[in-house]
Amino acid sequence: MERVDVVYALILDENEEKILMVKNIKHDDWTMPGGAVEKGEILSEAVVREAKEETGLTIEAGDILSVNEAFMEKYNHHAIFFTFMAKVISGEISIQDTETIADTAWVSIEEADKRMPYHKEGIRNLLEKAVPYVFQGRVIEKV
């Protein structure tokens, strides 16, 4: 199986009550903005790029909220999923990657928990357990 790193951005609204989600055309499901890390990218660069492609927003990556993994036999992948806290820096929602993303929506944290059952402890619990993201000994600034 090929190892694949995947990053996601958990983007809260200004009131920290809703999460920005995207609807993936290929998988016909809702997720946080994200995707595969490209060769030569570090994780924080990948999550910023993926969020821009899928939402049109420029974000800043913060702490790591979770690390999950799965064997995706359908694709012959061993995937490691990194979920980052993220903050919108600029831009308006405008899907750039229309071949992959069908829609975006701000959804309540409770609704996001239903749409993303792989975070068993729930989004609010993730937010309480964040850990700093470190690249080559340098802590990336908190969001």
Protein backbone atom coordinates (compact mmCIF):
# COMPACT_ATOMS: atom_id res chain seq x y z
CA MET A 1 0.00 0.00 0.00
CA GLU A 2 1.14 3.50 -0.79
CA ARG A 3 1.41 5.95 2.11
CA VAL A 4 -0.61 9.14 1.52
CA ASP A 5 -0.71 12.16 3.84
CA VAL A 6 -3.98 14.10 3.87
CA VAL A 7 -4.63 17.44 5.59
CA TYR A 8 -7.87 19.09 6.69
CA ALA A 9 -8.66 22.62 7.90
CA LEU A 10 -11.15 23.08 10.70
CA ILE A 11 -12.34 26.64 10.07
CA LEU A 12 -14.71 28.16 12.61
CA ASP A 13 -16.91 31.18 11.97
CA GLU A 14 -16.38 34.43 13.92
CA ASN A 15 -18.70 33.27 16.73
CA GLU A 16 -17.04 29.83 16.90
CA GLU A 17 -20.43 28.19 16.43
CA LYS A 18 -20.18 26.91 12.85
CA ILE A 19 -17.61 25.02 10.77
CA LEU A 20 -16.94 25.49 7.08
CA MET A 21 -17.50 22.26 5.18
CA VAL A 22 -17.19 21.27 1.52
CA LYS A 23 -19.16 18.69 -0.47
CA ASN A 24 -16.87 16.34 -2.36
CA ILE A 25 -18.22 15.32 -5.77
CA LYS A 26 -16.23 12.07 -6.09
CA HIS A 27 -17.15 10.70 -2.66
CA ASP A 28 -20.55 12.47 -2.40
CA ASP A 29 -19.91 13.45 1.20
CA TRP A 30 -19.21 16.52 3.32
CA THR A 31 -15.80 17.09 4.88
CA MET A 32 -13.64 19.92 6.07
CA PRO A 33 -11.60 21.55 3.29
CA GLY A 34 -8.51 19.46 2.61
CA GLY A 35 -6.70 16.95 0.49
CA ALA A 36 -3.46 15.17 -0.27
CA VAL A 37 -0.07 16.64 0.54
CA GLU A 38 2.00 17.13 -2.63
CA LYS A 39 5.64 16.13 -2.99
CA GLY A 40 7.91 18.76 -1.41
CA GLU A 41 5.13 20.37 0.67
CA ILE A 42 5.05 20.49 4.43
CA LEU A 43 1.72 19.78 6.10
CA SER A 44 0.90 23.41 6.94
CA GLU A 45 1.58 24.52 3.35
CA ALA A 46 -0.66 21.77 2.02
CA VAL A 47 -3.61 22.68 4.23
CA VAL A 48 -3.36 26.35 3.19
CA ARG A 49 -3.23 25.37 -0.51
CA GLU A 50 -6.09 22.88 -0.26
CA ALA A 51 -8.33 25.34 1.61
CA LYS A 52 -7.66 27.98 -1.07
CA GLU A 53 -8.47 25.55 -3.90
CA GLU A 54 -11.65 24.29 -2.30
CA THR A 55 -13.05 27.49 -0.74
CA GLY A 56 -11.24 30.48 -2.28
CA LEU A 57 -10.22 31.56 1.24
CA THR A 58 -6.70 32.29 2.39
CA ILE A 59 -6.18 30.64 5.75
CA GLU A 60 -3.51 30.38 8.40
CA ALA A 61 -2.82 26.92 9.81
CA GLY A 62 -2.65 26.58 13.58
CA ASP A 63 -2.46 23.69 16.02
CA ILE A 64 -3.00 20.04 15.16
CA LEU A 65 -6.42 18.89 16.36
CA SER A 66 -6.21 15.23 15.40
CA VAL A 67 -4.24 12.57 13.60
CA ASN A 68 -6.16 9.61 12.19
CA GLU A 69 -5.18 6.83 9.83
CA ALA A 70 -6.91 4.30 7.64
CA PHE A 71 -6.19 1.60 5.10
CA MET A 72 -8.12 2.64 2.02
CA GLU A 73 -8.03 -0.63 0.14
CA LYS A 74 -10.16 0.72 -2.71
CA TYR A 75 -7.27 3.08 -3.59
CA ASN A 76 -4.45 0.88 -2.23
CA HIS A 77 -3.56 3.69 0.22
CA HIS A 78 -2.42 3.81 3.80
CA ALA A 79 -3.68 7.30 4.61
CA ILE A 80 -2.64 9.49 7.53
CA PHE A 81 -5.11 12.36 8.15
CA PHE A 82 -3.94 15.54 9.90
CA THR A 83 -6.61 18.01 11.01
CA PHE A 84 -5.43 21.57 11.63
CA MET A 85 -7.16 24.43 13.39
CA ALA A 86 -7.33 27.23 10.83
CA LYS A 87 -8.25 30.89 10.68
CA VAL A 88 -9.48 32.84 7.66
CA ILE A 89 -7.01 35.59 6.76
CA SER A 90 -8.73 36.93 3.65
CA GLY A 91 -10.97 36.19 0.71
CA GLU A 92 -14.55 35.34 -0.10
CA ILE A 93 -15.94 31.85 -0.49
CA SER A 94 -15.51 30.87 -4.13
CA ILE A 95 -14.82 27.26 -5.10
CA GLN A 96 -11.67 27.11 -7.25
CA ASP A 97 -11.60 23.31 -7.73
CA THR A 98 -15.01 22.78 -9.36
CA GLU A 99 -14.07 19.27 -10.54
CA THR A 100 -13.77 18.07 -6.93
CA ILE A 101 -15.99 20.36 -4.83
CA ALA A 102 -19.72 20.77 -5.46
CA ASP A 103 -20.66 23.13 -2.62
CA THR A 104 -19.62 24.79 0.63
CA ALA A 105 -21.66 25.41 3.76
CA TRP A 106 -21.27 26.78 7.27
CA VAL A 107 -22.77 24.12 9.54
CA SER A 108 -23.27 23.94 13.29
CA ILE A 109 -20.70 21.99 15.26
CA GLU A 110 -23.42 19.47 16.12
CA GLU A 111 -24.25 18.97 12.42
CA ALA A 112 -20.54 18.69 11.57
CA ASP A 113 -20.22 15.92 14.17
CA LYS A 114 -22.99 14.02 12.38
CA ARG A 115 -21.38 14.52 8.97
CA MET A 116 -17.92 13.49 10.20
CA PRO A 117 -18.44 10.43 12.40
CA TYR A 118 -14.73 9.52 12.30
CA HIS A 119 -14.09 12.17 14.99
CA LYS A 120 -15.70 9.97 17.64
CA GLU A 121 -15.13 12.39 20.53
CA GLY A 122 -16.70 15.32 18.69
CA ILE A 123 -15.41 18.63 17.39
CA ARG A 124 -15.67 20.49 20.70
CA ASN A 125 -13.46 17.88 22.35
CA LEU A 126 -10.91 18.19 19.53
CA LEU A 127 -10.72 21.94 20.10
CA GLU A 128 -9.81 21.36 23.75
CA LYS A 129 -7.01 18.88 23.00
CA ALA A 130 -5.08 20.76 20.32
CA VAL A 131 -1.30 20.39 20.23
CA PRO A 132 1.26 22.68 18.59
CA TYR A 133 2.37 21.88 15.04
CA VAL A 134 6.16 21.77 14.86
CA PHE A 135 8.22 21.76 11.64
CA GLN A 136 11.97 21.25 12.00
CA GLY A 137 11.94 22.37 15.62
CA ARG A 138 9.95 25.54 14.96
CA VAL A 139 6.47 25.79 16.46
CA ILE A 140 3.99 27.20 13.97
CA GLU A 141 2.10 30.13 15.52
CA LYS A 142 -1.25 29.39 17.15
CA VAL A 143 -4.42 30.48 15.43
